[in-house]
Amino acid sequence: MNIQDYFKKSVWESFASSSGITMEFMMTAVVSMTLAVILGILIYKIYGIYFGGVVFSSSFAATLVGLTVLTCMLTLAISSNIVISLGMVGALSIVRYRTAIKDPMDLLYLFWAISVGITLGAQIYLLAFLTMVIMIFVIHFFYRRKKKGVIYILVAHYKGDRVGDEILRSLAKMKHQLKSKTLRGETAELTVEVLCKSDNTLFLDQIRALEGVSDVTLIQYNGEYHG
């Protein structure tokens, strides 16, 4: 070992001893952060494949990757130094996040990314991979159940007392539920929840062809239905 190597080693050992960083910790950090990036990208891909909303948010999807990596980094930092851990707890306790989560599934993906990051930071790699497999299976299972049909809201305006009954009879072969019926003078508005198992909307033409029907509107809605 020459003098230059000696000084390099001395500088590294001095830095490591003051920061609580060792070569073993560095190797662990590299492995954990690499796995965090890989699993974060996998969560990003799963979110894109099984996204059930109307407008896909690429910024939210990218947040899942960053959240996994940052959570892993925080866990590694907390586990390596007690002073940093106390500082992190104090700093995070004053942070307030005011972004509204409109879809409950988005909250699931956020918590999924955070959980994987914490698990990887704690070096429990097997649990992280097992969680990924279970979550993918759960999401795929419920996604397939959801894909058995798409729920629409049918809104029809018509004139005549018996036209409303004829509209409901046109939907007899489909699963449907009457939501509301509004009378405005001679004009009536009928709102029906309809489950469509395919993209075939020929029933709209049949309803539109009924005498007394002025217009028919079909609206897809992704929210929860109760009733």
Protein backbone atom coordinates (compact mmCIF):
# COMPACT_ATOMS: atom_id res chain seq x y z
CA MET A 1 0.00 0.00 0.00
CA ASN A 2 1.48 3.35 -1.04
CA ILE A 3 1.05 6.70 0.69
CA GLN A 4 -1.76 7.82 -1.64
CA ASP A 5 -3.84 4.70 -0.96
CA TYR A 6 -3.17 5.11 2.74
CA PHE A 7 -4.53 8.68 2.74
CA LYS A 8 -7.57 7.66 0.67
CA LYS A 9 -8.34 4.87 3.11
CA SER A 10 -7.81 7.18 6.07
CA VAL A 11 -10.18 9.78 4.62
CA TRP A 12 -12.85 7.13 3.94
CA GLU A 13 -12.51 5.63 7.42
CA SER A 14 -12.69 9.08 9.00
CA PHE A 15 -15.82 9.93 7.00
CA ALA A 16 -17.40 6.55 7.69
CA SER A 17 -16.75 6.66 11.40
CA SER A 18 -18.21 10.17 11.72
CA SER A 19 -21.28 9.36 9.61
CA GLY A 20 -21.93 5.83 10.78
CA ILE A 21 -21.42 4.50 7.25
CA THR A 22 -19.62 1.23 6.59
CA MET A 23 -18.94 -0.71 3.43
CA GLU A 24 -21.52 -3.28 4.53
CA PHE A 25 -24.12 -0.54 4.91
CA MET A 26 -23.25 0.88 1.48
CA MET A 27 -23.72 -2.52 -0.15
CA THR A 28 -27.04 -2.96 1.65
CA ALA A 29 -28.16 0.50 0.57
CA VAL A 30 -27.26 -0.16 -3.08
CA VAL A 31 -29.16 -3.48 -3.11
CA SER A 32 -32.21 -2.04 -1.31
CA MET A 33 -32.39 1.09 -3.48
CA THR A 34 -32.00 -0.93 -6.67
CA LEU A 35 -34.80 -3.27 -5.64
CA ALA A 36 -36.90 -0.23 -4.68
CA VAL A 37 -36.51 1.18 -8.20
CA ILE A 38 -37.39 -2.18 -9.79
CA LEU A 39 -40.43 -2.85 -7.60
CA GLY A 40 -41.52 0.79 -7.88
CA ILE A 41 -41.50 0.52 -11.68
CA LEU A 42 -43.46 -2.74 -11.37
CA ILE A 43 -46.10 -0.96 -9.25
CA TYR A 44 -46.14 1.80 -11.88
CA LYS A 45 -46.79 -0.77 -14.62
CA ILE A 46 -49.52 -2.52 -12.61
CA TYR A 47 -51.22 0.83 -12.00
CA GLY A 48 -51.18 1.56 -15.74
CA ILE A 49 -52.53 -1.87 -16.71
CA TYR A 50 -55.36 -2.01 -14.18
CA PHE A 51 -56.26 1.68 -14.17
CA GLY A 52 -60.05 1.96 -14.15
CA GLY A 53 -60.56 5.72 -14.19
CA VAL A 54 -61.31 8.07 -17.03
CA VAL A 55 -58.10 10.10 -17.31
CA PHE A 56 -54.75 8.41 -16.60
CA SER A 57 -52.43 10.59 -14.52
CA SER A 58 -48.83 9.93 -15.53
CA SER A 59 -47.57 12.24 -12.78
CA PHE A 60 -49.36 10.21 -10.10
CA ALA A 61 -48.03 6.96 -11.59
CA ALA A 62 -44.47 8.33 -11.55
CA THR A 63 -45.03 9.35 -7.93
CA LEU A 64 -45.40 5.67 -7.02
CA VAL A 65 -41.84 4.96 -8.17
CA GLY A 66 -40.39 7.96 -6.35
CA LEU A 67 -42.37 7.20 -3.22
CA THR A 68 -41.01 3.64 -3.10
CA VAL A 69 -37.42 4.82 -3.47
CA LEU A 70 -37.69 7.71 -1.00
CA THR A 71 -39.41 5.56 1.63
CA CYS A 72 -36.65 2.98 1.27
CA MET A 73 -34.04 5.71 1.68
CA LEU A 74 -35.73 7.08 4.82
CA THR A 75 -35.92 3.62 6.36
CA LEU A 76 -32.24 3.00 5.65
CA ALA A 77 -31.30 6.37 7.16
CA ILE A 78 -33.40 5.80 10.27
CA SER A 79 -31.98 2.32 10.80
CA SER A 80 -28.38 3.51 10.47
CA ASN A 81 -28.36 6.44 12.89
CA ILE A 82 -30.48 7.14 15.97
CA VAL A 83 -29.93 10.91 15.64
CA ILE A 84 -31.21 10.89 12.06
CA SER A 85 -34.19 8.80 13.08
CA LEU A 86 -35.23 11.33 15.73
CA GLY A 87 -34.76 14.17 13.25
CA MET A 88 -36.84 12.38 10.61
CA VAL A 89 -39.69 11.78 13.04
CA GLY A 90 -39.69 15.45 14.01
CA ALA A 91 -39.50 16.68 10.43
CA LEU A 92 -42.20 14.37 9.08
CA SER A 93 -44.55 15.15 11.95
CA ILE A 94 -44.89 18.78 10.80
CA VAL A 95 -45.48 17.96 7.12
CA ARG A 96 -49.08 18.25 5.91
CA TYR A 97 -50.21 16.77 2.60
CA ARG A 98 -53.39 18.39 1.29
CA THR A 99 -53.73 16.66 -2.10
CA ALA A 100 -57.17 15.08 -2.30
CA ILE A 101 -57.32 11.40 -3.26
CA LYS A 102 -60.47 10.98 -5.35
CA ASP A 103 -60.20 7.27 -6.11
CA PRO A 104 -59.79 4.87 -3.14
CA MET A 105 -57.68 2.61 -5.39
CA ASP A 106 -55.11 5.41 -5.71
CA LEU A 107 -54.77 5.39 -1.94
CA LEU A 108 -54.15 1.64 -2.10
CA TYR A 109 -51.32 2.11 -4.60
CA LEU A 110 -49.76 4.86 -2.49
CA PHE A 111 -49.80 2.71 0.65
CA TRP A 112 -48.50 -0.21 -1.41
CA ALA A 113 -45.50 1.81 -2.59
CA ILE A 114 -44.80 3.09 0.93
CA SER A 115 -45.05 -0.42 2.42
CA VAL A 116 -42.67 -1.91 -0.16
CA GLY A 117 -40.19 0.92 0.41
CA ILE A 118 -40.23 0.42 4.18
CA THR A 119 -39.87 -3.35 3.84
CA LEU A 120 -36.92 -3.04 1.46
CA GLY A 121 -35.30 -0.45 3.69
CA ALA A 122 -35.63 -2.87 6.59
CA GLN A 123 -33.90 -5.51 4.39
CA ILE A 124 -36.85 -7.92 4.55
CA TYR A 125 -36.64 -8.67 0.85
CA LEU A 126 -38.65 -11.90 0.90
CA LEU A 127 -41.61 -10.14 2.52
CA ALA A 128 -41.45 -7.37 -0.09
CA PHE A 129 -41.55 -9.85 -2.98
CA LEU A 130 -44.29 -11.90 -1.31
CA THR A 131 -46.36 -8.75 -0.85
CA MET A 132 -45.91 -7.86 -4.53
CA VAL A 133 -47.18 -11.29 -5.63
CA ILE A 134 -50.20 -11.18 -3.31
CA MET A 135 -51.16 -7.63 -4.29
CA ILE A 136 -50.90 -8.37 -8.01
CA PHE A 137 -53.13 -11.42 -7.53
CA VAL A 138 -55.70 -9.43 -5.50
CA ILE A 139 -55.84 -6.54 -7.98
CA HIS A 140 -56.09 -8.91 -10.95
CA PHE A 141 -58.87 -10.89 -9.26
CA PHE A 142 -61.05 -7.86 -8.56
CA TYR A 143 -60.20 -6.30 -11.93
CA ARG A 144 -61.54 -9.40 -13.71
CA ARG A 145 -64.72 -9.26 -11.63
CA LYS A 146 -65.13 -5.62 -12.52
CA LYS A 147 -64.62 -6.34 -16.21
CA LYS A 148 -67.68 -8.59 -16.27
CA GLY A 149 -69.62 -5.48 -17.15
CA VAL A 150 -69.60 -1.70 -17.28
CA ILE A 151 -72.21 0.32 -15.43
CA TYR A 152 -73.84 3.20 -17.26
CA ILE A 153 -76.44 5.79 -16.38
CA LEU A 154 -79.18 6.04 -19.01
CA VAL A 155 -81.10 9.30 -19.14
CA ALA A 156 -84.16 9.49 -21.39
CA HIS A 157 -86.59 12.36 -22.02
CA TYR A 158 -90.03 11.50 -23.34
CA LYS A 159 -93.69 12.44 -23.46
CA GLY A 160 -96.54 10.11 -22.61
CA ASP A 161 -97.59 8.09 -19.59
CA ARG A 162 -96.78 4.66 -20.99
CA VAL A 163 -93.47 5.50 -22.68
CA GLY A 164 -91.54 5.12 -19.43
CA ASP A 165 -92.85 1.55 -19.01
CA GLU A 166 -91.89 0.75 -22.60
CA ILE A 167 -88.34 2.02 -21.97
CA LEU A 168 -88.02 -0.26 -18.96
CA ARG A 169 -89.38 -3.19 -20.96
CA SER A 170 -86.68 -2.51 -23.60
CA LEU A 171 -84.11 -3.08 -20.84
CA ALA A 172 -85.71 -6.29 -19.59
CA LYS A 173 -82.85 -8.50 -20.88
CA MET A 174 -80.24 -6.36 -19.12
CA LYS A 175 -79.57 -5.87 -15.43
CA HIS A 176 -80.94 -2.43 -14.62
CA GLN A 177 -82.29 -0.38 -11.75
CA LEU A 178 -84.54 2.66 -11.83
CA LYS A 179 -82.80 5.59 -10.15
CA SER A 180 -85.16 8.50 -10.64
CA LYS A 181 -88.17 9.73 -12.61
CA THR A 182 -88.79 13.47 -12.94
CA LEU A 183 -91.93 15.05 -14.40
CA ARG A 184 -91.73 18.54 -15.94
CA GLY A 185 -95.11 19.39 -17.36
CA GLU A 186 -95.70 17.10 -20.33
CA THR A 187 -92.03 16.02 -20.44
CA ALA A 188 -90.63 13.30 -18.20
CA GLU A 189 -87.00 12.39 -17.42
CA LEU A 190 -86.12 8.80 -16.62
CA THR A 191 -82.76 7.84 -15.07
CA VAL A 192 -81.81 4.16 -15.06
CA GLU A 193 -78.63 2.38 -13.98
CA VAL A 194 -77.72 -0.19 -16.64
CA LEU A 195 -75.09 -2.95 -16.59
CA CYS A 196 -73.64 -3.55 -20.08
CA LYS A 197 -71.61 -6.72 -20.53
CA SER A 198 -70.37 -5.64 -23.96
CA ASP A 199 -69.95 -2.54 -26.10
CA ASN A 200 -73.20 -3.28 -27.93
CA THR A 201 -75.52 -0.28 -27.53
CA LEU A 202 -78.27 -1.27 -29.97
CA PHE A 203 -80.79 -0.97 -27.14
CA LEU A 204 -80.30 2.80 -27.35
CA ASP A 205 -81.59 2.79 -30.93
CA GLN A 206 -84.59 0.73 -29.83
CA ILE A 207 -85.40 3.18 -27.06
CA ARG A 208 -84.84 6.16 -29.37
CA ALA A 209 -87.26 4.64 -31.90
CA LEU A 210 -90.08 4.54 -29.36
CA GLU A 211 -92.84 7.01 -30.06
CA GLY A 212 -92.67 9.94 -27.65
CA VAL A 213 -88.94 9.66 -26.82
CA SER A 214 -87.14 12.92 -27.63
CA ASP A 215 -83.54 11.99 -26.67
CA VAL A 216 -81.50 9.29 -24.91
CA THR A 217 -78.12 9.74 -23.20
CA LEU A 218 -75.77 7.01 -21.94
CA ILE A 219 -73.13 8.05 -19.39
CA GLN A 220 -70.43 5.86 -17.89
CA TYR A 221 -69.84 6.31 -14.17
CA ASN A 222 -66.97 4.73 -12.22
CA GLY A 223 -68.13 5.52 -8.69
CA GLU A 224 -69.73 3.33 -6.06
CA TYR A 225 -73.41 2.56 -6.29
CA HIS A 226 -75.70 1.99 -3.34
CA GLY A 227 -79.33 1.11 -3.37
